[in-house]
N, C-alpha and C. Protein backbone atom coordinates (compact mmCIF):
# COMPACT_ATOMS: atom_id res chain seq x y z
N MET A 1 0.87 -1.28 0.03
CA MET A 1 -0.02 0.03 0.12
C MET A 1 0.82 1.19 -0.07
N ALA A 2 0.88 1.99 -1.09
CA ALA A 2 1.58 3.33 -1.13
C ALA A 2 1.07 4.35 -0.34
N LEU A 3 1.79 5.30 0.08
CA LEU A 3 1.32 6.47 0.71
C LEU A 3 1.05 7.54 -0.24
N THR A 4 0.06 8.26 0.18
CA THR A 4 -0.17 9.41 -0.74
C THR A 4 0.86 10.67 -0.33
N PRO A 5 0.98 11.53 -1.15
CA PRO A 5 2.07 12.55 -0.79
C PRO A 5 1.63 13.35 0.44
N GLU A 6 0.41 13.38 0.87
CA GLU A 6 -0.15 14.13 2.00
C GLU A 6 0.32 13.18 3.21
N GLN A 7 0.12 11.91 3.14
CA GLN A 7 0.41 11.04 4.26
C GLN A 7 2.07 11.04 4.43
N ALA A 8 2.81 10.95 3.25
CA ALA A 8 4.16 11.01 3.52
C ALA A 8 4.81 12.25 4.17
N LEU A 9 4.18 13.29 3.72
CA LEU A 9 4.43 14.63 4.22
C LEU A 9 4.15 14.78 5.82
N GLU A 10 2.99 14.04 6.06
CA GLU A 10 2.60 14.19 7.57
C GLU A 10 3.51 13.25 8.33
N LYS A 11 3.98 12.08 7.88
CA LYS A 11 4.95 11.13 8.63
C LYS A 11 6.26 11.90 8.68
N ALA A 12 6.61 12.48 7.56
CA ALA A 12 7.82 13.22 7.63
C ALA A 12 7.89 14.41 8.64
N ASN A 13 6.77 15.10 8.63
CA ASN A 13 6.69 16.14 9.78
C ASN A 13 6.59 15.53 11.13
N ALA A 14 6.07 14.37 11.44
CA ALA A 14 6.09 13.72 12.62
C ALA A 14 7.39 13.30 13.12
N ALA A 15 8.13 12.82 12.14
CA ALA A 15 9.60 12.20 12.27
C ALA A 15 10.48 13.60 12.59
N ALA A 16 10.43 14.67 12.05
CA ALA A 16 11.03 15.75 12.12
C ALA A 16 10.69 16.27 13.53
N GLU A 17 9.35 16.24 14.06
CA GLU A 17 9.11 16.78 15.37
C GLU A 17 9.74 16.04 16.44
N MET A 18 9.74 14.62 16.16
CA MET A 18 10.26 13.69 17.09
C MET A 18 11.94 13.93 17.20
N ALA A 19 12.33 14.21 16.15
CA ALA A 19 13.95 14.56 16.19
C ALA A 19 14.18 15.88 16.77
N ARG A 20 13.33 16.93 16.55
CA ARG A 20 13.49 18.29 17.20
C ARG A 20 13.35 18.00 18.66
N ASN A 21 12.32 17.34 19.20
CA ASN A 21 12.22 16.94 20.62
C ASN A 21 13.38 16.31 21.26
N ALA A 22 13.97 15.23 20.56
CA ALA A 22 15.14 14.64 20.89
C ALA A 22 16.37 15.39 21.05
N ALA A 23 16.46 16.44 20.07
CA ALA A 23 17.50 17.39 20.13
C ALA A 23 17.48 18.36 21.23
N GLU A 24 16.21 18.76 21.55
CA GLU A 24 15.92 19.67 22.52
C GLU A 24 16.32 19.05 24.01
N SER A 25 15.97 17.80 24.09
CA SER A 25 16.24 17.07 25.29
C SER A 25 17.73 16.85 25.48
N ALA A 26 18.43 16.55 24.45
CA ALA A 26 19.84 16.49 24.47
C ALA A 26 20.61 17.59 24.83
N GLN A 27 19.95 18.75 24.15
CA GLN A 27 20.57 20.04 24.47
C GLN A 27 20.40 20.35 25.91
N ALA A 28 19.27 20.24 26.51
CA ALA A 28 19.03 20.49 27.79
C ALA A 28 19.80 19.54 28.93
N PHE A 29 20.01 18.30 28.49
CA PHE A 29 20.82 17.60 29.29
C PHE A 29 22.24 17.97 29.21
N ALA A 30 22.76 18.39 28.02
CA ALA A 30 24.13 18.97 27.93
C ALA A 30 24.26 20.19 28.64
N ASP A 31 23.31 21.05 28.79
CA ASP A 31 23.49 22.34 29.52
C ASP A 31 23.33 22.01 30.82
N ALA A 32 22.64 21.11 31.44
CA ALA A 32 22.69 20.69 32.88
C ALA A 32 23.98 20.21 33.22
N ALA A 33 24.67 19.34 32.32
CA ALA A 33 25.90 18.59 32.55
C ALA A 33 26.89 19.75 32.69
N ALA A 34 26.94 20.78 31.71
CA ALA A 34 27.79 21.86 31.70
C ALA A 34 27.73 22.66 33.04
N VAL A 35 26.55 22.99 33.49
CA VAL A 35 26.38 23.53 34.73
C VAL A 35 26.94 22.80 36.05
N ALA A 36 26.64 21.49 35.94
CA ALA A 36 27.18 20.68 36.97
C ALA A 36 28.85 20.69 37.02
N VAL A 37 29.35 20.58 35.78
CA VAL A 37 30.86 20.46 35.69
C VAL A 37 31.29 21.83 36.18
N ALA A 38 30.83 22.92 35.69
CA ALA A 38 31.14 24.21 36.23
C ALA A 38 31.00 24.57 37.68
N ALA A 39 30.11 23.73 38.26
CA ALA A 39 29.82 23.91 39.73
C ALA A 39 30.74 23.00 40.48
N GLY A 40 31.54 22.30 39.85
CA GLY A 40 32.54 21.34 40.55
C GLY A 40 32.10 19.82 40.59
N GLY A 41 31.04 19.54 39.90
CA GLY A 41 30.48 18.22 40.00
C GLY A 41 31.00 17.51 38.68
N ASP A 42 30.46 16.35 38.37
CA ASP A 42 30.80 15.52 37.24
C ASP A 42 29.48 15.28 36.40
N ALA A 43 29.72 15.23 34.98
CA ALA A 43 28.67 15.28 34.20
C ALA A 43 28.03 13.86 34.30
N VAL A 44 28.71 12.77 34.58
CA VAL A 44 28.19 11.55 34.57
C VAL A 44 27.33 11.38 35.84
N GLY A 45 27.82 11.67 36.98
CA GLY A 45 27.17 11.26 38.25
C GLY A 45 26.62 12.40 38.73
N VAL A 46 25.66 13.31 37.98
CA VAL A 46 25.09 14.35 38.57
C VAL A 46 24.14 14.03 39.75
N GLY A 47 23.61 12.82 39.64
CA GLY A 47 22.65 12.44 40.88
C GLY A 47 23.17 11.28 41.65
N ILE A 48 24.46 11.04 41.40
CA ILE A 48 25.20 9.94 42.25
C ILE A 48 25.93 10.51 43.47
N ASP A 49 25.90 9.95 44.55
CA ASP A 49 26.74 10.23 45.80
C ASP A 49 28.08 10.13 45.29
N PRO A 50 28.95 11.23 45.60
CA PRO A 50 30.40 10.94 45.15
C PRO A 50 31.13 9.84 46.00
N PHE A 51 30.74 9.56 47.16
CA PHE A 51 31.43 8.60 48.01
C PHE A 51 31.09 7.20 47.27
N MET A 52 29.86 6.96 46.93
CA MET A 52 29.49 5.70 46.31
C MET A 52 30.11 5.44 44.94
N PHE A 53 30.30 6.71 44.26
CA PHE A 53 30.86 6.60 42.89
C PHE A 53 32.43 6.14 43.09
N ARG A 54 33.16 6.82 44.01
CA ARG A 54 34.56 6.48 44.32
C ARG A 54 34.67 5.07 44.82
N PHE A 55 33.71 4.57 45.65
CA PHE A 55 33.69 3.37 46.40
C PHE A 55 33.48 2.29 45.33
N ALA A 56 32.75 2.60 44.32
CA ALA A 56 32.56 1.57 43.23
C ALA A 56 33.73 1.38 42.43
N ILE A 57 34.53 2.51 42.27
CA ILE A 57 35.77 2.44 41.42
C ILE A 57 36.77 1.73 42.14
N PHE A 58 36.71 1.94 43.48
CA PHE A 58 37.72 1.08 44.45
C PHE A 58 37.42 -0.38 44.18
N VAL A 59 36.12 -0.73 44.53
CA VAL A 59 35.87 -2.20 44.40
C VAL A 59 36.18 -2.79 43.06
N LEU A 60 35.94 -2.04 41.99
CA LEU A 60 36.28 -2.55 40.67
C LEU A 60 37.86 -2.61 40.44
N ALA A 61 38.62 -1.70 41.09
CA ALA A 61 40.19 -1.78 41.11
C ALA A 61 40.50 -3.08 41.86
N ILE A 62 39.83 -3.40 42.90
CA ILE A 62 40.25 -4.54 43.64
C ILE A 62 40.13 -5.70 42.86
N PHE A 63 38.87 -5.96 42.18
CA PHE A 63 38.74 -7.15 41.28
C PHE A 63 39.69 -7.02 40.15
N VAL A 64 39.90 -6.08 39.38
CA VAL A 64 40.86 -6.03 38.46
C VAL A 64 42.16 -6.45 38.87
N GLY A 65 42.73 -5.90 40.08
CA GLY A 65 43.98 -6.01 40.48
C GLY A 65 44.07 -7.57 40.80
N TYR A 66 43.07 -8.19 41.49
CA TYR A 66 43.09 -9.53 41.83
C TYR A 66 43.35 -10.43 40.58
N PHE A 67 42.69 -10.14 39.58
CA PHE A 67 42.63 -11.19 38.50
C PHE A 67 43.89 -10.86 37.59
N VAL A 68 44.50 -9.52 37.67
CA VAL A 68 45.67 -9.27 36.96
C VAL A 68 46.85 -9.95 37.56
N VAL A 69 47.02 -9.87 38.96
CA VAL A 69 47.99 -10.38 39.73
C VAL A 69 48.10 -11.97 39.71
N TRP A 70 46.90 -12.64 39.68
CA TRP A 70 46.76 -14.09 39.77
C TRP A 70 46.93 -14.54 38.35
N SER A 71 46.82 -13.78 37.33
CA SER A 71 47.02 -14.29 35.92
C SER A 71 48.52 -14.09 35.59
N VAL A 72 49.48 -13.52 36.37
CA VAL A 72 50.85 -13.34 35.99
C VAL A 72 51.53 -14.72 36.14
N THR A 73 52.15 -15.04 34.99
CA THR A 73 53.08 -16.22 35.19
C THR A 73 54.27 -15.93 36.06
N SER A 74 54.99 -17.09 36.49
CA SER A 74 56.10 -16.86 37.51
C SER A 74 57.20 -16.26 36.68
N ALA A 75 57.38 -16.44 35.30
CA ALA A 75 58.44 -15.83 34.63
C ALA A 75 58.39 -14.11 34.73
N LEU A 76 57.09 -13.86 34.80
CA LEU A 76 56.98 -12.26 34.81
C LEU A 76 56.80 -11.72 36.22
N HIS A 77 57.07 -12.48 37.24
CA HIS A 77 56.90 -12.05 38.66
C HIS A 77 58.09 -10.92 38.99
N THR A 78 59.14 -11.25 38.56
CA THR A 78 60.31 -10.14 38.99
C THR A 78 59.95 -8.89 38.23
N PRO A 79 59.74 -8.76 37.00
CA PRO A 79 59.32 -7.44 36.34
C PRO A 79 58.06 -6.89 36.98
N LEU A 80 57.15 -7.68 37.44
CA LEU A 80 56.02 -6.94 38.03
C LEU A 80 56.40 -6.40 39.39
N MET A 81 57.14 -7.12 40.17
CA MET A 81 57.70 -6.68 41.35
C MET A 81 58.45 -5.31 41.23
N SER A 82 59.36 -5.30 40.05
CA SER A 82 60.09 -4.03 39.90
C SER A 82 59.03 -2.80 39.66
N VAL A 83 58.01 -3.06 38.85
CA VAL A 83 57.01 -1.92 38.64
C VAL A 83 56.22 -1.60 40.05
N THR A 84 55.98 -2.67 40.87
CA THR A 84 55.31 -2.46 42.08
C THR A 84 56.39 -1.58 43.01
N ASN A 85 57.52 -1.83 43.08
CA ASN A 85 58.45 -1.06 43.74
C ASN A 85 58.44 0.41 43.25
N ALA A 86 58.42 0.55 41.98
CA ALA A 86 58.43 1.90 41.48
C ALA A 86 57.29 2.63 41.89
N ILE A 87 56.15 1.96 41.86
CA ILE A 87 54.75 2.69 42.26
C ILE A 87 54.84 2.95 43.74
N SER A 88 55.44 2.24 44.42
CA SER A 88 55.63 2.40 45.97
C SER A 88 56.56 3.54 46.27
N SER A 89 57.51 3.68 45.44
CA SER A 89 58.49 4.67 45.67
C SER A 89 57.69 6.04 45.44
N VAL A 90 56.74 6.09 44.49
CA VAL A 90 55.94 7.41 44.27
C VAL A 90 55.09 7.66 45.39
N ILE A 91 54.55 6.57 46.07
CA ILE A 91 53.76 6.69 47.28
C ILE A 91 54.61 7.14 48.39
N ILE A 92 55.78 6.82 48.35
CA ILE A 92 56.68 7.34 49.47
C ILE A 92 56.79 8.77 49.50
N VAL A 93 57.09 9.48 48.13
CA VAL A 93 57.29 10.62 47.93
C VAL A 93 56.00 11.41 48.39
N GLY A 94 54.82 10.93 48.03
CA GLY A 94 53.55 11.60 48.50
C GLY A 94 53.32 11.39 50.02
N ALA A 95 53.73 10.39 50.63
CA ALA A 95 53.74 10.17 52.19
C ALA A 95 54.61 11.20 52.88
N ILE A 96 55.76 11.43 52.44
CA ILE A 96 56.77 12.28 52.85
C ILE A 96 56.04 13.73 52.70
N LEU A 97 55.52 14.10 51.77
CA LEU A 97 54.85 15.47 51.56
C LEU A 97 53.69 15.57 52.50
N ALA A 98 53.07 14.32 52.74
CA ALA A 98 51.81 14.51 53.81
C ALA A 98 52.34 14.53 55.16
N VAL A 99 53.43 13.88 55.44
CA VAL A 99 54.04 14.10 56.85
C VAL A 99 54.56 15.49 57.04
N GLY A 100 55.05 16.04 56.02
CA GLY A 100 55.71 17.49 56.36
C GLY A 100 54.71 18.61 56.20
N VAL A 101 53.36 18.35 56.34
CA VAL A 101 52.38 19.33 56.16
C VAL A 101 52.58 20.38 57.47
N ASP A 102 52.47 21.67 57.05
CA ASP A 102 52.77 22.73 57.96
C ASP A 102 51.55 23.00 58.62
N ALA A 103 51.25 22.87 60.03
CA ALA A 103 50.01 22.99 60.60
C ALA A 103 49.50 24.46 60.51
N SER A 104 50.39 25.43 60.49
CA SER A 104 49.97 26.89 60.42
C SER A 104 49.57 27.25 58.96
N ALA A 105 49.84 26.48 57.91
CA ALA A 105 49.57 26.60 56.40
C ALA A 105 48.04 26.11 56.40
N VAL A 106 47.52 25.36 57.21
CA VAL A 106 46.10 24.82 56.99
C VAL A 106 45.10 25.49 57.67
N ALA A 107 44.01 25.63 57.31
CA ALA A 107 42.85 26.21 58.11
C ALA A 107 42.41 25.46 59.42
N ASP A 108 42.49 24.13 59.13
CA ASP A 108 42.05 23.36 60.34
C ASP A 108 43.25 22.54 60.85
N PRO A 109 43.64 22.85 62.01
CA PRO A 109 44.91 21.96 62.49
C PRO A 109 44.69 20.52 62.69
N GLY A 110 43.52 20.18 62.80
CA GLY A 110 43.09 18.70 62.98
C GLY A 110 43.33 18.06 61.79
N ALA A 111 43.11 18.68 60.61
CA ALA A 111 43.20 18.13 59.37
C ALA A 111 44.72 17.98 59.02
N ALA A 112 45.51 18.74 59.52
CA ALA A 112 46.90 18.78 59.35
C ALA A 112 47.70 17.50 60.14
N TRP A 113 46.96 17.31 61.34
CA TRP A 113 47.43 16.24 62.00
C TRP A 113 46.90 14.94 61.51
N THR A 114 45.78 14.91 60.95
CA THR A 114 45.30 13.71 60.32
C THR A 114 46.21 13.42 59.08
N ALA A 115 46.52 14.32 58.31
CA ALA A 115 47.44 14.26 57.22
C ALA A 115 48.77 13.58 57.67
N LYS A 116 49.23 14.11 58.51
CA LYS A 116 50.57 13.68 59.17
C LYS A 116 50.48 12.19 59.64
N ILE A 117 49.42 11.80 60.37
CA ILE A 117 49.35 10.51 60.69
C ILE A 117 49.09 9.40 59.54
N LEU A 118 48.24 9.87 58.77
CA LEU A 118 48.01 9.02 57.48
C LEU A 118 49.18 8.98 56.71
N GLY A 119 49.86 10.04 56.50
CA GLY A 119 51.19 10.16 55.76
C GLY A 119 52.12 9.13 56.40
N PHE A 120 52.19 9.08 57.64
CA PHE A 120 53.20 8.34 58.41
C PHE A 120 52.93 6.78 58.16
N VAL A 121 51.60 6.43 58.22
CA VAL A 121 51.11 5.12 58.06
C VAL A 121 51.41 4.66 56.66
N ALA A 122 51.16 5.66 55.65
CA ALA A 122 51.44 5.21 54.27
C ALA A 122 52.92 5.18 54.03
N LEU A 123 53.72 5.83 54.73
CA LEU A 123 55.22 5.70 54.50
C LEU A 123 55.72 4.40 55.18
N ILE A 124 55.16 4.09 56.30
CA ILE A 124 55.60 2.60 56.79
C ILE A 124 55.08 1.63 55.85
N LEU A 125 53.91 1.58 55.33
CA LEU A 125 53.46 0.50 54.55
C LEU A 125 54.08 0.48 53.21
N ALA A 126 54.33 1.55 52.64
CA ALA A 126 54.97 1.63 51.27
C ALA A 126 56.38 1.15 51.53
N SER A 127 57.06 1.35 52.57
CA SER A 127 58.45 1.00 52.85
C SER A 127 58.46 -0.50 52.89
N VAL A 128 57.62 -1.02 53.79
CA VAL A 128 57.64 -2.59 53.92
C VAL A 128 57.17 -3.23 52.51
N ASN A 129 56.46 -2.50 51.80
CA ASN A 129 56.16 -3.15 50.30
C ASN A 129 57.44 -3.10 49.49
N ILE A 130 58.14 -2.12 49.73
CA ILE A 130 59.47 -1.94 48.81
C ILE A 130 60.48 -2.87 49.35
N PHE A 131 60.76 -2.86 50.46
CA PHE A 131 61.80 -3.85 51.08
C PHE A 131 61.36 -5.42 50.81
N GLY A 132 60.14 -5.67 51.17
CA GLY A 132 59.51 -7.10 50.91
C GLY A 132 59.67 -7.22 49.51
N GLY A 133 59.42 -6.45 48.43
CA GLY A 133 59.58 -6.60 47.02
C GLY A 133 61.00 -6.99 46.76
N PHE A 134 61.96 -6.20 47.21
CA PHE A 134 63.30 -6.57 46.94
C PHE A 134 63.68 -7.80 47.53
N LEU A 135 63.26 -8.18 48.60
CA LEU A 135 63.61 -9.46 49.17
C LEU A 135 62.92 -10.70 48.35
N VAL A 136 61.71 -10.67 47.85
CA VAL A 136 61.18 -11.56 46.85
C VAL A 136 61.96 -11.66 45.73
N THR A 137 62.23 -10.43 45.15
CA THR A 137 62.87 -10.43 43.91
C THR A 137 64.32 -11.28 43.93
N GLU A 138 65.04 -10.87 45.05
CA GLU A 138 66.33 -11.40 45.27
C GLU A 138 66.20 -13.02 45.39
N ARG A 139 65.17 -13.43 46.00
CA ARG A 139 64.83 -14.88 46.14
C ARG A 139 64.70 -15.43 44.81
N MET A 140 63.78 -14.67 44.06
CA MET A 140 63.45 -15.22 42.72
C MET A 140 64.72 -15.44 41.92
N LEU A 141 65.52 -14.38 41.93
CA LEU A 141 66.72 -14.30 41.11
C LEU A 141 67.67 -15.49 41.65
N ALA A 142 67.72 -15.81 42.88
CA ALA A 142 68.57 -16.73 43.34
C ALA A 142 68.05 -18.14 42.82
N MET A 143 66.95 -18.34 42.47
CA MET A 143 66.52 -19.61 41.99
C MET A 143 67.14 -19.94 40.50
N TYR A 144 67.45 -18.89 39.83
CA TYR A 144 68.08 -18.91 38.50
C TYR A 144 69.56 -19.11 38.43
N LYS A 145 70.18 -18.77 39.58
CA LYS A 145 71.56 -18.80 39.68
C LYS A 145 71.95 -20.21 39.88
N LYS A 146 73.34 -20.61 39.04
CA LYS A 146 73.81 -21.94 39.11
C LYS A 146 74.29 -22.27 40.35
N LYS A 147 73.96 -23.53 40.94
CA LYS A 147 74.69 -23.83 42.08
C LYS A 147 75.94 -24.62 41.80
N GLY A 148 77.08 -24.38 42.46
CA GLY A 148 78.28 -25.10 42.17
C GLY A 148 79.38 -24.48 42.56
């Protein structure tokens, strides 16, 4: 069944109206996202609690890290430990900066002490990670040395 020119024109106008409404809705969403970003929010999570958004990323990182680490063959263990040690050295630099926070430069002195304590804990944990990584790497390399 063929459409008459009037019916085709009517359907084309209806499709054009739907497209215009969709474009207006998209523009309204883009404007709202731009306002949210300008106000310091994020365009994706306009209605999402920032803590839950970051917590979800943290949980996903745990799963990805678990599967990545357990998928590594023993031949790649030593290079992986080297990269882990390099990352931990960057964490130590940040921890030293946190420990060195000047309480007079911060509006809330309690926040400065919290930064100092958390920085010290991060410094200790990253140091243990680095030295433990070197010990494990040394043991792995000793397995490949010829005995004799």
